[in-house]
């Protein structure tokens, strides 16, 4: 909400904001989606926030992205 309001008040200011970390869900995680539905939902949320330019909450979004990447790596390790 705050990010949308700031973008409205200062249009174009997003060029000066750093992006959040990037994340793309692995094929292993997608293949095991029935067994790990909660992790899939978190992964999808992380992917939607990946690369976003945020005024507020960038640290929280990066933490969520890092958590999703860790779960993704854990599931890849289990699958092998």
PDB file of N, CA and C in Angstrom:
ATOM      1  N   UNK A   1       0.826  -1.187   0.000  1.00  0.00           N
ATOM      2  CA  UNK A   1       0.000   0.000   0.000  1.00  0.00           C
ATOM      3  C   UNK A   1       0.870   1.251   0.000  1.00  0.00           C
ATOM      4  N   UNK A   2       1.865   1.283   0.884  1.00  0.00           N
ATOM      5  CA  UNK A   2       2.746   2.436   0.956  1.00  0.00           C
ATOM      6  C   UNK A   2       3.560   2.619  -0.307  1.00  0.00           C
ATOM      7  N   UNK A   3       3.962   1.501  -0.926  1.00  0.00           N
ATOM      8  CA  UNK A   3       4.738   1.581  -2.163  1.00  0.00           C
ATOM      9  C   UNK A   3       3.908   2.185  -3.285  1.00  0.00           C
ATOM     10  N   UNK A   4       2.648   1.794  -3.374  1.00  0.00           N
ATOM     11  CA  UNK A   4       1.773   2.328  -4.412  1.00  0.00           C
ATOM     12  C   UNK A   4       1.524   3.819  -4.180  1.00  0.00           C
ATOM     13  N   UNK A   5       1.338   4.207  -2.922  1.00  0.00           N
ATOM     14  CA  UNK A   5       1.098   5.621  -2.618  1.00  0.00           C
ATOM     15  C   UNK A   5       2.308   6.474  -2.968  1.00  0.00           C
ATOM     16  N   UNK A   6       3.510   5.981  -2.633  1.00  0.00           N
ATOM     17  CA  UNK A   6       4.712   6.750  -2.940  1.00  0.00           C
ATOM     18  C   UNK A   6       4.930   6.845  -4.454  1.00  0.00           C
ATOM     19  N   UNK A   7       4.608   5.790  -5.185  1.00  0.00           N
ATOM     20  CA  UNK A   7       4.743   5.836  -6.639  1.00  0.00           C
ATOM     21  C   UNK A   7       3.786   6.850  -7.234  1.00  0.00           C
ATOM     22  N   UNK A   8       2.607   6.987  -6.624  1.00  0.00           N
ATOM     23  CA  UNK A   8       1.639   7.968  -7.088  1.00  0.00           C
ATOM     24  C   UNK A   8       2.108   9.384  -6.774  1.00  0.00           C
ATOM     25  N   UNK A   9       2.673   9.579  -5.579  1.00  0.00           N
ATOM     26  CA  UNK A   9       3.108  10.909  -5.167  1.00  0.00           C
ATOM     27  C   UNK A   9       4.377  11.355  -5.896  1.00  0.00           C
ATOM     28  N   UNK A  10       5.271  10.417  -6.155  1.00  0.00           N
ATOM     29  CA  UNK A  10       6.533  10.722  -6.824  1.00  0.00           C
ATOM     30  C   UNK A  10       6.703   9.823  -8.050  1.00  0.00           C
ATOM     31  N   UNK A  11       5.950  10.075  -9.110  1.00  0.00           N
ATOM     32  CA  UNK A  11       6.062   9.207 -10.278  1.00  0.00           C
ATOM     33  C   UNK A  11       7.471   9.256 -10.870  1.00  0.00           C
ATOM     34  N   UNK A  12       7.953   8.112 -11.275  1.00  0.00           N
ATOM     35  CA  UNK A  12       9.289   8.031 -11.860  1.00  0.00           C
ATOM     36  C   UNK A  12      10.394   7.877 -10.844  1.00  0.00           C
ATOM     37  N   UNK A  13      10.084   7.988  -9.550  1.00  0.00           N
ATOM     38  CA  UNK A  13      11.119   7.883  -8.529  1.00  0.00           C
ATOM     39  C   UNK A  13      11.628   6.455  -8.381  1.00  0.00           C
ATOM     40  N   UNK A  14      10.927   5.495  -8.943  1.00  0.00           N
ATOM     41  CA  UNK A  14      11.340   4.104  -8.864  1.00  0.00           C
ATOM     42  C   UNK A  14      12.680   3.841  -9.520  1.00  0.00           C
ATOM     43  N   UNK A  15      13.104   4.710 -10.413  1.00  0.00           N
ATOM     44  CA  UNK A  15      14.405   4.542 -11.062  1.00  0.00           C
ATOM     45  C   UNK A  15      15.550   4.649 -10.068  1.00  0.00           C
ATOM     46  N   UNK A  16      15.322   5.319  -8.954  1.00  0.00           N
ATOM     47  CA  UNK A  16      16.366   5.524  -7.960  1.00  0.00           C
ATOM     48  C   UNK A  16      16.363   4.449  -6.873  1.00  0.00           C
ATOM     49  N   UNK A  17      15.343   3.584  -6.886  1.00  0.00           N
ATOM     50  CA  UNK A  17      15.218   2.564  -5.849  1.00  0.00           C
ATOM     51  C   UNK A  17      15.925   1.288  -6.276  1.00  0.00           C
ATOM     52  N   UNK A  18      16.652   0.651  -5.364  1.00  0.00           N
ATOM     53  CA  UNK A  18      17.240  -0.647  -5.705  1.00  0.00           C
ATOM     54  C   UNK A  18      16.154  -1.712  -5.739  1.00  0.00           C
ATOM     55  N   UNK A  19      16.369  -2.738  -6.535  1.00  0.00           N
ATOM     56  CA  UNK A  19      15.409  -3.827  -6.651  1.00  0.00           C
ATOM     57  C   UNK A  19      15.613  -4.840  -5.533  1.00  0.00           C
ATOM     58  N   UNK A  20      14.578  -5.637  -5.305  1.00  0.00           N
ATOM     59  CA  UNK A  20      14.719  -6.763  -4.385  1.00  0.00           C
ATOM     60  C   UNK A  20      15.542  -7.847  -5.065  1.00  0.00           C
ATOM     61  N   UNK A  21      15.939  -8.852  -4.302  1.00  0.00           N
ATOM     62  CA  UNK A  21      16.683  -9.972  -4.862  1.00  0.00           C
ATOM     63  C   UNK A  21      15.827 -10.697  -5.896  1.00  0.00           C
ATOM     64  N   UNK A  22      16.454 -11.441  -6.786  1.00  0.00           N
ATOM     65  CA  UNK A  22      15.708 -12.191  -7.783  1.00  0.00           C
ATOM     66  C   UNK A  22      15.600 -13.650  -7.369  1.00  0.00           C
ATOM     67  N   UNK A  23      14.523 -14.289  -7.793  1.00  0.00           N
ATOM     68  CA  UNK A  23      14.276 -15.690  -7.457  1.00  0.00           C
ATOM     69  C   UNK A  23      13.411 -16.303  -8.536  1.00  0.00           C
ATOM     70  N   UNK A  24      13.795 -17.492  -8.981  1.00  0.00           N
ATOM     71  CA  UNK A  24      12.989 -18.280  -9.913  1.00  0.00           C
ATOM     72  C   UNK A  24      12.896 -19.682  -9.349  1.00  0.00           C
ATOM     73  N   UNK A  25      11.683 -20.173  -9.197  1.00  0.00           N
ATOM     74  CA  UNK A  25      11.469 -21.484  -8.609  1.00  0.00           C
ATOM     75  C   UNK A  25      12.040 -22.570  -9.526  1.00  0.00           C
ATOM     76  N   UNK A  26      12.723 -23.537  -8.916  1.00  0.00           N
ATOM     77  CA  UNK A  26      13.353 -24.607  -9.689  1.00  0.00           C
ATOM     78  C   UNK A  26      12.307 -25.591 -10.211  1.00  0.00           C
ATOM     79  N   UNK A  27      12.682 -26.320 -11.237  1.00  0.00           N
ATOM     80  CA  UNK A  27      11.811 -27.348 -11.794  1.00  0.00           C
ATOM     81  C   UNK A  27      11.577 -28.462 -10.782  1.00  0.00           C
ATOM     82  N   UNK A  28      12.596 -28.745  -9.944  1.00  0.00           N
ATOM     83  CA  UNK A  28      12.440 -29.771  -8.911  1.00  0.00           C
ATOM     84  C   UNK A  28      11.328 -29.396  -7.935  1.00  0.00           C
ATOM     85  N   UNK A  29      11.323 -28.143  -7.531  1.00  0.00           N
ATOM     86  CA  UNK A  29      10.304 -27.674  -6.592  1.00  0.00           C
ATOM     87  C   UNK A  29       8.930 -27.737  -7.243  1.00  0.00           C
ATOM     88  N   UNK A  30       8.833 -27.351  -8.501  1.00  0.00           N
ATOM     89  CA  UNK A  30       7.553 -27.387  -9.194  1.00  0.00           C
ATOM     90  C   UNK A  30       7.063 -28.817  -9.371  1.00  0.00           C
ATOM     91  N   UNK A  31       7.968 -29.756  -9.612  1.00  0.00           N
ATOM     92  CA  UNK A  31       7.594 -31.154  -9.803  1.00  0.00           C
ATOM     93  C   UNK A  31       7.066 -31.775  -8.516  1.00  0.00           C
ATOM     94  N   UNK A  32       7.504 -31.276  -7.379  1.00  0.00           N
ATOM     95  CA  UNK A  32       7.108 -31.845  -6.092  1.00  0.00           C
ATOM     96  C   UNK A  32       6.045 -30.998  -5.398  1.00  0.00           C
ATOM     97  N   UNK A  33       5.276 -30.247  -6.163  1.00  0.00           N
ATOM     98  CA  UNK A  33       4.352 -29.284  -5.584  1.00  0.00           C
ATOM     99  C   UNK A  33       3.265 -29.908  -4.717  1.00  0.00           C
ATOM    100  N   UNK A  34       2.833 -31.125  -4.995  1.00  0.00           N
ATOM    101  CA  UNK A  34       1.784 -31.728  -4.167  1.00  0.00           C
ATOM    102  C   UNK A  34       2.287 -32.044  -2.766  1.00  0.00           C
ATOM    103  N   UNK A  35       3.519 -32.473  -2.639  1.00  0.00           N
ATOM    104  CA  UNK A  35       4.068 -32.820  -1.330  1.00  0.00           C
ATOM    105  C   UNK A  35       4.460 -31.590  -0.519  1.00  0.00           C
ATOM    106  N   UNK A  36       4.742 -30.500  -1.189  1.00  0.00           N
ATOM    107  CA  UNK A  36       5.249 -29.302  -0.516  1.00  0.00           C
ATOM    108  C   UNK A  36       4.408 -28.078  -0.872  1.00  0.00           C
ATOM    109  N   UNK A  37       3.101 -28.186  -0.682  1.00  0.00           N
ATOM    110  CA  UNK A  37       2.201 -27.110  -1.103  1.00  0.00           C
ATOM    111  C   UNK A  37       2.489 -25.788  -0.396  1.00  0.00           C
ATOM    112  N   UNK A  38       2.791 -25.832   0.903  1.00  0.00           N
ATOM    113  CA  UNK A  38       3.084 -24.592   1.628  1.00  0.00           C
ATOM    114  C   UNK A  38       4.320 -23.909   1.088  1.00  0.00           C
ATOM    115  N   UNK A  39       5.349 -24.685   0.785  1.00  0.00           N
ATOM    116  CA  UNK A  39       6.572 -24.118   0.213  1.00  0.00           C
ATOM    117  C   UNK A  39       6.311 -23.564  -1.171  1.00  0.00           C
ATOM    118  N   UNK A  40       5.416 -24.199  -1.910  1.00  0.00           N
ATOM    119  CA  UNK A  40       5.065 -23.693  -3.248  1.00  0.00           C
ATOM    120  C   UNK A  40       4.398 -22.330  -3.147  1.00  0.00           C
ATOM    121  N   UNK A  41       3.495 -22.180  -2.190  1.00  0.00           N
ATOM    122  CA  UNK A  41       2.821 -20.888  -2.026  1.00  0.00           C
ATOM    123  C   UNK A  41       3.826 -19.804  -1.647  1.00  0.00           C
ATOM    124  N   UNK A  42       4.741 -20.138  -0.731  1.00  0.00           N
ATOM    125  CA  UNK A  42       5.772 -19.174  -0.349  1.00  0.00           C
ATOM    126  C   UNK A  42       6.677 -18.857  -1.536  1.00  0.00           C
ATOM    127  N   UNK A  43       6.998 -19.878  -2.333  1.00  0.00           N
ATOM    128  CA  UNK A  43       7.838 -19.679  -3.514  1.00  0.00           C
ATOM    129  C   UNK A  43       7.166 -18.794  -4.543  1.00  0.00           C
ATOM    130  N   UNK A  44       5.867 -18.988  -4.742  1.00  0.00           N
ATOM    131  CA  UNK A  44       5.133 -18.148  -5.692  1.00  0.00           C
ATOM    132  C   UNK A  44       5.075 -16.707  -5.217  1.00  0.00           C
ATOM    133  N   UNK A  45       4.900 -16.510  -3.916  1.00  0.00           N
ATOM    134  CA  UNK A  45       4.903 -15.150  -3.366  1.00  0.00           C
ATOM    135  C   UNK A  45       6.275 -14.512  -3.536  1.00  0.00           C
ATOM    136  N   UNK A  46       7.329 -15.290  -3.275  1.00  0.00           N
ATOM    137  CA  UNK A  46       8.692 -14.782  -3.438  1.00  0.00           C
ATOM    138  C   UNK A  46       8.959 -14.419  -4.893  1.00  0.00           C
ATOM    139  N   UNK A  47       8.486 -15.255  -5.824  1.00  0.00           N
ATOM    140  CA  UNK A  47       8.693 -14.946  -7.247  1.00  0.00           C
ATOM    141  C   UNK A  47       7.951 -13.679  -7.650  1.00  0.00           C
ATOM    142  N   UNK A  48       6.773 -13.448  -7.080  1.00  0.00           N
ATOM    143  CA  UNK A  48       6.024 -12.232  -7.429  1.00  0.00           C
ATOM    144  C   UNK A  48       6.713 -10.974  -6.888  1.00  0.00           C
ATOM    145  N   UNK A  49       7.457 -11.111  -5.787  1.00  0.00           N
ATOM    146  CA  UNK A  49       8.191  -9.976  -5.222  1.00  0.00           C
ATOM    147  C   UNK A  49       9.615  -9.870  -5.766  1.00  0.00           C
ATOM    148  N   UNK A  50      10.034 -10.843  -6.522  1.00  0.00           N
ATOM    149  CA  UNK A  50      11.396 -10.873  -7.040  1.00  0.00           C
ATOM    150  C   UNK A  50      11.637  -9.734  -8.029  1.00  0.00           C
ATOM    151  N   UNK A  51      12.687  -8.980  -7.796  1.00  0.00           N
ATOM    152  CA  UNK A  51      13.057  -7.894  -8.705  1.00  0.00           C
ATOM    153  C   UNK A  51      12.195  -6.654  -8.588  1.00  0.00           C
ATOM    154  N   UNK A  52      11.340  -6.578  -7.572  1.00  0.00           N
ATOM    155  CA  UNK A  52      10.460  -5.417  -7.411  1.00  0.00           C
ATOM    156  C   UNK A  52      11.235  -4.239  -6.828  1.00  0.00           C
ATOM    157  N   UNK A  53      10.834  -3.054  -7.222  1.00  0.00           N
ATOM    158  CA  UNK A  53      11.399  -1.844  -6.628  1.00  0.00           C
ATOM    159  C   UNK A  53      10.416  -1.352  -5.589  1.00  0.00           C
ATOM    160  N   UNK A  54      10.812  -1.455  -4.329  1.00  0.00           N
ATOM    161  CA  UNK A  54       9.907  -1.136  -3.231  1.00  0.00           C
ATOM    162  C   UNK A  54      10.416   0.044  -2.421  1.00  0.00           C
ATOM    163  N   UNK A  55       9.501   0.926  -2.036  1.00  0.00           N
ATOM    164  CA  UNK A  55       9.847   2.029  -1.143  1.00  0.00           C
ATOM    165  C   UNK A  55      10.006   1.502   0.271  1.00  0.00           C
ATOM    166  N   UNK A  56       9.075   0.625   0.671  1.00  0.00           N
ATOM    167  CA  UNK A  56       9.048   0.098   2.032  1.00  0.00           C
ATOM    168  C   UNK A  56       8.998  -1.419   1.967  1.00  0.00           C
ATOM    169  N   UNK A  57       9.594  -2.079   2.926  1.00  0.00           N
ATOM    170  CA  UNK A  57       9.490  -3.532   3.031  1.00  0.00           C
ATOM    171  C   UNK A  57      10.455  -4.323   2.181  1.00  0.00           C
ATOM    172  N   UNK A  58      11.460  -3.681   1.615  1.00  0.00           N
ATOM    173  CA  UNK A  58      12.423  -4.387   0.774  1.00  0.00           C
ATOM    174  C   UNK A  58      13.186  -5.429   1.588  1.00  0.00           C
ATOM    175  N   UNK A  59      13.546  -5.102   2.819  1.00  0.00           N
ATOM    176  CA  UNK A  59      14.256  -6.051   3.681  1.00  0.00           C
ATOM    177  C   UNK A  59      13.401  -7.270   3.982  1.00  0.00           C
ATOM    178  N   UNK A  60      12.131  -7.049   4.260  1.00  0.00           N
ATOM    179  CA  UNK A  60      11.211  -8.158   4.528  1.00  0.00           C
ATOM    180  C   UNK A  60      11.047  -9.014   3.277  1.00  0.00           C
ATOM    181  N   UNK A  61      10.913  -8.388   2.117  1.00  0.00           N
ATOM    182  CA  UNK A  61      10.771  -9.129   0.859  1.00  0.00           C
ATOM    183  C   UNK A  61      12.035  -9.929   0.567  1.00  0.00           C
ATOM    184  N   UNK A  62      13.211  -9.334   0.789  1.00  0.00           N
ATOM    185  CA  UNK A  62      14.467 -10.059   0.559  1.00  0.00           C
ATOM    186  C   UNK A  62      14.607 -11.236   1.518  1.00  0.00           C
ATOM    187  N   UNK A  63      14.143 -11.082   2.751  1.00  0.00           N
ATOM    188  CA  UNK A  63      14.160 -12.184   3.706  1.00  0.00           C
ATOM    189  C   UNK A  63      13.259 -13.327   3.260  1.00  0.00           C
ATOM    190  N   UNK A  64      12.080 -12.974   2.750  1.00  0.00           N
ATOM    191  CA  UNK A  64      11.153 -13.984   2.249  1.00  0.00           C
ATOM    192  C   UNK A  64      11.734 -14.691   1.027  1.00  0.00           C
ATOM    193  N   UNK A  65      12.398 -13.945   0.160  1.00  0.00           N
ATOM    194  CA  UNK A  65      13.027 -14.529  -1.031  1.00  0.00           C
ATOM    195  C   UNK A  65      14.155 -15.469  -0.623  1.00  0.00           C
ATOM    196  N   UNK A  66      14.967 -15.059   0.343  1.00  0.00           N
ATOM    197  CA  UNK A  66      16.062 -15.914   0.819  1.00  0.00           C
ATOM    198  C   UNK A  66      15.514 -17.198   1.438  1.00  0.00           C
ATOM    199  N   UNK A  67      14.427 -17.094   2.194  1.00  0.00           N
ATOM    200  CA  UNK A  67      13.803 -18.275   2.792  1.00  0.00           C
ATOM    201  C   UNK A  67      13.284 -19.221   1.706  1.00  0.00           C
ATOM    202  N   UNK A  68      12.655 -18.668   0.680  1.00  0.00           N
ATOM    203  CA  UNK A  68      12.146 -19.500  -0.422  1.00  0.00           C
ATOM    204  C   UNK A  68      13.301 -20.188  -1.150  1.00  0.00           C
ATOM    205  N   UNK A  69      14.412 -19.479  -1.351  1.00  0.00           N
ATOM    206  CA  UNK A  69      15.576 -20.095  -2.002  1.00  0.00           C
ATOM    207  C   UNK A  69      16.143 -21.223  -1.153  1.00  0.00           C
ATOM    208  N   UNK A  70      16.194 -21.036   0.172  1.00  0.00           N
ATOM    209  CA  UNK A  70      16.688 -22.089   1.058  1.00  0.00           C
ATOM    210  C   UNK A  70      15.798 -23.323   1.015  1.00  0.00           C
ATOM    211  N   UNK A  71      14.483 -23.115   1.043  1.00  0.00           N
ATOM    212  CA  UNK A  71      13.554 -24.250   0.942  1.00  0.00           C
ATOM    213  C   UNK A  71      13.702 -24.951  -0.403  1.00  0.00           C
ATOM    214  N   UNK A  72      13.858 -24.162  -1.448  1.00  0.00           N
ATOM    215  CA  UNK A  72      14.032 -24.711  -2.789  1.00  0.00           C
ATOM    216  C   UNK A  72      15.283 -25.599  -2.830  1.00  0.00           C
ATOM    217  N   UNK A  73      16.384 -25.115  -2.277  1.00  0.00           N
ATOM    218  CA  UNK A  73      17.622 -25.899  -2.248  1.00  0.00           C
ATOM    219  C   UNK A  73      17.467 -27.159  -1.409  1.00  0.00           C
ATOM    220  N   UNK A  74      16.740 -27.067  -0.308  1.00  0.00           N
ATOM    221  CA  UNK A  74      16.496 -28.233   0.538  1.00  0.00           C
ATOM    222  C   UNK A  74      15.697 -29.290  -0.213  1.00  0.00           C
ATOM    223  N   UNK A  75      14.673 -28.867  -0.926  1.00  0.00           N
ATOM    224  CA  UNK A  75      13.849 -29.817  -1.678  1.00  0.00           C
ATOM    225  C   UNK A  75      14.629 -30.426  -2.831  1.00  0.00           C
ATOM    226  N   UNK A  76      15.477 -29.628  -3.474  1.00  0.00           N
ATOM    227  CA  UNK A  76      16.328 -30.192  -4.539  1.00  0.00           C
ATOM    228  C   UNK A  76      17.233 -31.267  -3.968  1.00  0.00           C
ATOM    229  N   UNK A  77      17.756 -31.042  -2.747  1.00  0.00           N
ATOM    230  CA  UNK A  77      18.625 -32.024  -2.111  1.00  0.00           C
ATOM    231  C   UNK A  77      17.872 -33.300  -1.742  1.00  0.00           C
ATOM    232  N   UNK A  78      16.629 -33.168  -1.312  1.00  0.00           N
ATOM    233  CA  UNK A  78      15.816 -34.326  -0.956  1.00  0.00           C
ATOM    234  C   UNK A  78      15.492 -35.150  -2.197  1.00  0.00           C
ATOM    235  N   UNK A  79      15.203 -34.471  -3.283  1.00  0.00           N
ATOM    236  CA  UNK A  79      14.799 -35.165  -4.510  1.00  0.00           C
ATOM    237  C   UNK A  79      15.920 -36.019  -5.078  1.00  0.00           C
ATOM    238  N   UNK A  80      17.162 -35.594  -4.887  1.00  0.00           N
ATOM    239  CA  UNK A  80      18.292 -36.329  -5.472  1.00  0.00           C
ATOM    240  C   UNK A  80      18.579 -37.524  -4.695  1.00  0.00           C
TER     241      UNK A  80
END
